[in-house]
Amino acid sequence: MAPVAPTSQQWVEKYRPRQVKDVVHQEEVVLTLTNALETGNLPHLLFYGPPGTGKTSTALAISHQLFGPELYKTRVLELNASDDRGINVVRTKIKDFAAVAVGPGVSGYPCPPFKIIILDEADSMTEDAQNALRRTMETYSKVTRFCFICNYVSRIIEPLTSRCAKFRFKPLLDNMLSSRIQFICREEGLSLDSEALTTLNHVSEGDMRRAITYLQGAARLYGSSLSSDNIISISGVVSDNVVHSFLQACRTGLFDQAQKAVADIIDEGYPVSQILSQVCYASFSSSSQVDY
């Protein structure tokens, strides 16, 4: 098949939800933020959950819908807390932005009288920085709202979590992933058979961003007609034949065979975490074949 026409735009960005209502499988968040769009009243927010479930997309969507393209740059500050995670950032960049008074709104958008600071990967912030941030939240709460995004809510100090409305983002179900992937395939002119779609669901593990990235990588490398083997190759998942050979060698009870199987895996350079994950899956699977 002919290769897919190259494009500089990542599909993750191209197909990112633009409105809150387009975010799937996060009903509580969508309901709360839809009400916020109608009333213009937004609390401090804490989004947590596995990667690729829509946390950042939701924060960006609500910000765009509240302020529109004209005011977005002046009313919204986006920071990746894994890079800007020290106390000096809180005392300078965040505090300076939070302290600025808001100007008039524009017609056609709610434009509530506050700004939004989005802190992505907030669980990477140091404890000192989080403690300094608590004081900033108290002082400027009338003109600034904070949106914390993290994978592990336990790494956010309690004084911050207690000031936020907390929402857990759930991993996406297979049918929801499949629906979105099929839509992208139609838009991009790709052919993805049912086995390849099932494989993509398995290797992405409920992570929409990962699924779309694998799909685009496979399309660029293998063309517009994709198979299960293409998805496995691009995702770095270990072949099920390798996993089964390893398990069979272990089950023989013979040390030499098990050692040889381990040596073969090491020689191929397979990641240990991936091997262990698939071995556990294969060991507890009721079927005789690992379905990847």
Protein backbone atom coordinates (compact mmCIF):
# COMPACT_ATOMS: atom_id res chain seq x y z
CA MET A 1 0.00 0.00 0.00
CA ALA A 2 1.07 3.57 -0.61
CA PRO A 3 2.61 5.31 2.40
CA VAL A 4 0.59 7.88 4.27
CA ALA A 5 1.30 11.44 3.16
CA PRO A 6 3.70 12.99 5.70
CA THR A 7 2.42 15.80 7.90
CA SER A 8 4.23 17.89 10.48
CA GLN A 9 1.25 17.88 12.85
CA GLN A 10 1.02 15.18 15.47
CA TRP A 11 -2.32 13.39 15.44
CA VAL A 12 -2.44 13.65 19.23
CA GLU A 13 -2.79 17.41 18.81
CA LYS A 14 -4.85 17.27 15.64
CA TYR A 15 -7.53 15.11 17.27
CA ARG A 16 -7.38 16.57 20.78
CA PRO A 17 -10.88 17.38 22.14
CA ARG A 18 -11.60 21.06 21.61
CA GLN A 19 -14.65 21.26 23.87
CA VAL A 20 -15.40 19.80 27.28
CA LYS A 21 -18.37 17.85 25.94
CA ASP A 22 -16.04 15.94 23.59
CA VAL A 23 -14.12 14.37 26.50
CA VAL A 24 -15.23 10.74 26.85
CA HIS A 25 -15.67 8.45 29.88
CA GLN A 26 -15.24 11.27 32.43
CA GLU A 27 -18.89 12.09 33.13
CA GLU A 28 -18.44 13.84 36.50
CA VAL A 29 -15.80 16.18 35.13
CA VAL A 30 -17.82 17.01 32.03
CA LEU A 31 -20.95 17.74 34.09
CA THR A 32 -19.11 19.98 36.56
CA LEU A 33 -17.27 21.95 33.90
CA THR A 34 -20.38 22.29 31.74
CA ASN A 35 -22.08 23.94 34.71
CA ALA A 36 -19.04 26.17 35.15
CA LEU A 37 -19.37 27.32 31.54
CA GLU A 38 -22.99 28.27 32.18
CA THR A 39 -22.43 30.05 35.50
CA GLY A 40 -18.87 31.34 35.03
CA ASN A 41 -18.01 30.00 38.50
CA LEU A 42 -15.01 27.66 38.60
CA PRO A 43 -13.33 26.23 41.72
CA HIS A 44 -9.69 25.27 42.00
CA LEU A 45 -9.35 21.94 40.19
CA LEU A 46 -7.27 18.82 40.73
CA PHE A 47 -7.26 16.29 37.89
CA TYR A 48 -5.53 12.99 38.62
CA GLY A 49 -5.37 9.58 37.02
CA PRO A 50 -3.41 7.51 34.49
CA PRO A 51 -1.73 9.21 31.51
CA GLY A 52 -3.60 9.65 28.25
CA THR A 53 -7.08 9.85 29.80
CA GLY A 54 -7.85 13.48 28.93
CA LYS A 55 -6.65 15.51 31.93
CA THR A 56 -4.65 18.13 30.05
CA SER A 57 -7.11 18.19 27.15
CA THR A 58 -9.96 18.93 29.57
CA ALA A 59 -8.06 21.76 31.26
CA LEU A 60 -7.20 23.35 27.92
CA ALA A 61 -10.74 22.92 26.60
CA ILE A 62 -12.41 24.64 29.56
CA SER A 63 -9.88 27.48 29.37
CA HIS A 64 -10.51 28.06 25.66
CA GLN A 65 -14.27 27.91 26.14
CA LEU A 66 -14.21 30.36 29.05
CA PHE A 67 -12.04 33.02 27.47
CA GLY A 68 -11.90 32.43 23.73
CA PRO A 69 -8.84 32.82 21.50
CA GLU A 70 -8.58 36.57 22.06
CA LEU A 71 -8.10 36.45 25.84
CA TYR A 72 -6.59 33.00 26.22
CA LYS A 73 -2.95 34.13 26.22
CA THR A 74 -3.54 36.84 28.82
CA ARG A 75 -5.89 34.87 31.08
CA VAL A 76 -4.28 31.41 31.07
CA LEU A 77 -0.77 30.38 32.19
CA GLU A 78 0.35 26.85 31.29
CA LEU A 79 3.32 25.39 33.14
CA ASN A 80 4.79 21.91 33.12
CA ALA A 81 5.61 21.46 36.78
CA SER A 82 8.11 18.69 36.05
CA ASP A 83 10.34 21.37 34.50
CA ASP A 84 9.26 24.42 36.50
CA ARG A 85 8.99 22.70 39.87
CA GLY A 86 11.10 24.74 42.27
CA ILE A 87 10.09 27.29 44.85
CA ASN A 88 11.59 30.14 42.80
CA VAL A 89 9.07 29.53 40.01
CA VAL A 90 6.22 29.83 42.52
CA ARG A 91 7.65 33.04 43.97
CA THR A 92 8.24 34.66 40.57
CA LYS A 93 6.41 33.39 37.50
CA ILE A 94 3.29 32.00 39.22
CA LYS A 95 2.95 34.72 41.83
CA ASP A 96 3.46 37.53 39.31
CA PHE A 97 0.81 36.11 36.99
CA ALA A 98 -1.64 35.45 39.83
CA ALA A 99 -1.33 38.99 41.18
CA VAL A 100 -2.27 40.76 37.93
CA ALA A 101 -5.81 42.10 37.85
CA VAL A 102 -8.08 40.90 35.07
CA GLY A 103 -9.36 43.20 32.36
CA PRO A 104 -12.74 43.31 30.64
CA GLY A 105 -14.10 40.27 28.83
CA VAL A 106 -15.15 39.82 25.23
CA SER A 107 -18.60 39.12 23.88
CA GLY A 108 -19.56 35.55 23.08
CA TYR A 109 -17.60 33.95 25.93
CA PRO A 110 -18.32 33.72 29.70
CA CYS A 111 -15.03 35.49 30.57
CA PRO A 112 -15.38 35.22 34.37
CA PRO A 113 -13.39 37.72 36.47
CA PHE A 114 -10.41 35.48 37.12
CA LYS A 115 -7.38 33.91 35.44
CA ILE A 116 -6.42 30.21 35.28
CA ILE A 117 -3.02 28.71 36.03
CA ILE A 118 -2.61 25.16 34.70
CA LEU A 119 0.13 23.15 36.41
CA ASP A 120 0.73 19.95 34.47
CA GLU A 121 2.58 17.10 36.20
CA ALA A 122 2.10 18.87 39.52
CA ASP A 123 3.13 15.74 41.42
CA SER A 124 6.71 16.51 40.33
CA MET A 125 6.78 19.77 42.30
CA THR A 126 8.94 19.85 45.40
CA GLU A 127 7.22 19.99 48.78
CA ASP A 128 8.64 23.45 49.45
CA ALA A 129 7.20 24.70 46.17
CA GLN A 130 3.81 23.21 47.01
CA ASN A 131 3.83 24.87 50.42
CA ALA A 132 4.69 28.22 48.85
CA LEU A 133 1.90 27.68 46.33
CA ARG A 134 -0.63 27.24 49.14
CA ARG A 135 -0.06 30.81 50.29
CA THR A 136 -0.37 32.12 46.73
CA MET A 137 -3.70 30.33 46.32
CA GLU A 138 -5.04 31.93 49.51
CA THR A 139 -3.89 35.43 48.65
CA TYR A 140 -5.09 35.61 45.04
CA SER A 141 -8.12 33.31 45.04
CA LYS A 142 -10.45 36.13 43.98
CA VAL A 143 -8.64 36.73 40.70
CA THR A 144 -6.92 33.39 39.99
CA ARG A 145 -7.98 29.75 39.80
CA PHE A 146 -5.51 26.87 39.81
CA CYS A 147 -5.82 23.61 37.89
CA PHE A 148 -3.43 20.89 39.07
CA ILE A 149 -2.85 17.90 36.80
CA CYS A 150 -1.05 14.82 38.08
CA ASN A 151 -0.82 11.03 37.87
CA TYR A 152 -0.42 10.44 41.62
CA VAL A 153 -2.64 12.50 43.91
CA SER A 154 -0.77 11.13 46.95
CA ARG A 155 2.21 13.29 45.96
CA ILE A 156 0.22 16.50 46.33
CA ILE A 157 0.24 17.91 49.86
CA GLU A 158 -3.05 17.89 51.75
CA PRO A 159 -3.32 21.70 52.12
CA LEU A 160 -3.49 21.95 48.30
CA THR A 161 -5.85 19.02 47.71
CA SER A 162 -8.26 20.33 50.35
CA ARG A 163 -8.63 23.58 48.43
CA CYS A 164 -9.51 21.86 45.14
CA ALA A 165 -12.41 20.01 43.61
CA LYS A 166 -10.80 16.62 42.91
CA PHE A 167 -11.64 14.53 39.84
CA ARG A 168 -10.23 11.11 39.04
CA PHE A 169 -9.81 10.38 35.34
CA LYS A 170 -10.47 6.73 34.58
CA PRO A 171 -8.61 4.63 31.99
CA LEU A 172 -10.57 4.50 28.75
CA LEU A 173 -12.53 1.36 27.95
CA ASP A 174 -11.67 -0.66 24.85
CA ASN A 175 -14.86 0.30 23.02
CA MET A 176 -14.16 4.01 23.56
CA LEU A 177 -10.60 3.67 22.36
CA SER A 178 -11.76 1.66 19.35
CA SER A 179 -14.39 4.22 18.43
CA ARG A 180 -11.90 7.08 18.43
CA ILE A 181 -9.22 5.10 16.59
CA GLN A 182 -11.72 4.08 13.89
CA PHE A 183 -12.74 7.72 13.48
CA ILE A 184 -9.09 8.74 13.01
CA CYS A 185 -8.56 5.91 10.52
CA ARG A 186 -11.49 7.16 8.44
CA GLU A 187 -10.18 10.72 8.54
CA GLU A 188 -6.65 9.68 7.59
CA GLY A 189 -7.60 7.01 5.03
CA LEU A 190 -6.18 4.07 6.97
CA SER A 191 -7.23 0.44 6.87
CA LEU A 192 -7.06 -1.26 10.27
CA ASP A 193 -8.43 -4.79 10.60
CA SER A 194 -10.18 -6.03 13.75
CA GLU A 195 -7.16 -7.98 14.98
CA ALA A 196 -4.92 -4.92 14.67
CA LEU A 197 -7.51 -2.80 16.49
CA THR A 198 -7.65 -5.32 19.34
CA THR A 199 -3.86 -5.34 19.51
CA LEU A 200 -3.78 -1.55 19.65
CA ASN A 201 -6.26 -1.60 22.53
CA HIS A 202 -4.08 -4.04 24.46
CA VAL A 203 -0.75 -2.31 23.99
CA SER A 204 -2.13 1.17 24.75
CA GLU A 205 -3.67 0.01 28.09
CA GLY A 206 -6.41 2.63 28.17
CA ASP A 207 -4.07 5.46 27.17
CA MET A 208 -5.58 7.37 24.26
CA ARG A 209 -2.44 9.40 23.63
CA ARG A 210 -0.34 6.26 23.39
CA ALA A 211 -2.84 4.59 21.05
CA ILE A 212 -2.91 7.55 18.66
CA THR A 213 0.89 7.86 18.73
CA TYR A 214 1.32 4.16 17.90
CA LEU A 215 -1.23 4.48 15.11
CA GLN A 216 0.52 7.44 13.51
CA GLY A 217 3.94 5.81 13.85
CA ALA A 218 2.72 2.60 12.25
CA ALA A 219 1.04 4.53 9.42
CA ARG A 220 4.24 6.42 8.64
CA LEU A 221 6.35 3.29 8.69
CA TYR A 222 4.08 0.68 7.08
CA GLY A 223 1.60 2.65 4.98
CA SER A 224 -2.17 2.90 4.99
CA SER A 225 -2.96 -0.80 5.55
CA LEU A 226 -1.96 -1.90 9.05
CA SER A 227 -1.82 -5.35 10.61
CA SER A 228 -1.45 -6.60 14.17
CA ASP A 229 2.25 -7.30 13.57
CA ASN A 230 2.77 -3.69 12.47
CA ILE A 231 1.25 -2.41 15.71
CA ILE A 232 3.37 -4.79 17.82
CA SER A 233 6.52 -3.73 15.99
CA ILE A 234 5.97 0.00 16.42
CA SER A 235 4.87 -0.26 20.07
CA GLY A 236 7.93 -2.16 21.29
CA VAL A 237 5.79 -4.97 22.71
CA VAL A 238 7.65 -8.26 22.91
CA SER A 239 6.44 -10.91 20.49
CA ASP A 240 4.17 -13.49 22.11
CA ASN A 241 6.39 -16.23 20.64
CA VAL A 242 9.29 -14.96 22.74
CA VAL A 243 7.15 -14.88 25.87
CA HIS A 244 5.82 -18.40 25.30
CA SER A 245 9.29 -19.77 24.58
CA PHE A 246 10.52 -18.28 27.85
CA LEU A 247 7.60 -19.71 29.84
CA GLN A 248 7.98 -23.14 28.27
CA ALA A 249 11.68 -23.16 29.12
CA CYS A 250 10.89 -22.28 32.73
CA ARG A 251 8.23 -24.97 33.00
CA THR A 252 10.62 -27.72 31.93
CA GLY A 253 12.41 -27.44 35.25
CA LEU A 254 15.75 -27.58 33.46
CA PHE A 255 18.17 -24.83 34.43
CA ASP A 256 20.14 -24.87 31.19
CA GLN A 257 17.04 -24.30 29.05
CA ALA A 258 15.80 -21.50 31.29
CA GLN A 259 19.24 -19.87 31.27
CA LYS A 260 19.40 -20.04 27.47
CA ALA A 261 15.93 -18.44 27.18
CA VAL A 262 17.02 -15.61 29.50
CA ALA A 263 20.24 -15.12 27.55
CA ASP A 264 18.30 -14.90 24.27
CA ILE A 265 16.03 -12.23 25.75
CA ILE A 266 19.03 -10.24 27.00
CA ASP A 267 20.77 -10.52 23.62
CA GLU A 268 17.67 -9.15 21.87
CA GLY A 269 17.64 -6.15 24.22
CA TYR A 270 14.02 -6.49 25.29
CA PRO A 271 13.04 -4.21 28.22
CA VAL A 272 12.75 -6.12 31.48
CA SER A 273 9.58 -4.33 32.59
CA GLN A 274 7.82 -5.24 29.35
CA ILE A 275 8.92 -8.87 29.59
CA LEU A 276 7.70 -9.17 33.19
CA SER A 277 4.38 -7.53 32.35
CA GLN A 278 3.69 -9.90 29.47
CA VAL A 279 4.90 -12.95 31.39
CA CYS A 280 2.46 -12.15 34.20
CA TYR A 281 -0.34 -11.64 31.68
CA ALA A 282 0.47 -14.91 29.93
CA SER A 283 0.78 -16.83 33.20
CA PHE A 284 -2.66 -15.83 34.45
CA SER A 285 -4.42 -15.92 31.11
CA SER A 286 -6.94 -18.71 30.72
CA SER A 287 -6.12 -19.10 27.04
CA SER A 288 -3.06 -20.88 25.69
CA GLN A 289 -2.19 -17.92 23.49
CA VAL A 290 -1.33 -14.41 24.62
CA ASP A 291 -3.58 -12.01 22.76
CA TYR A 292 -1.52 -8.93 21.91
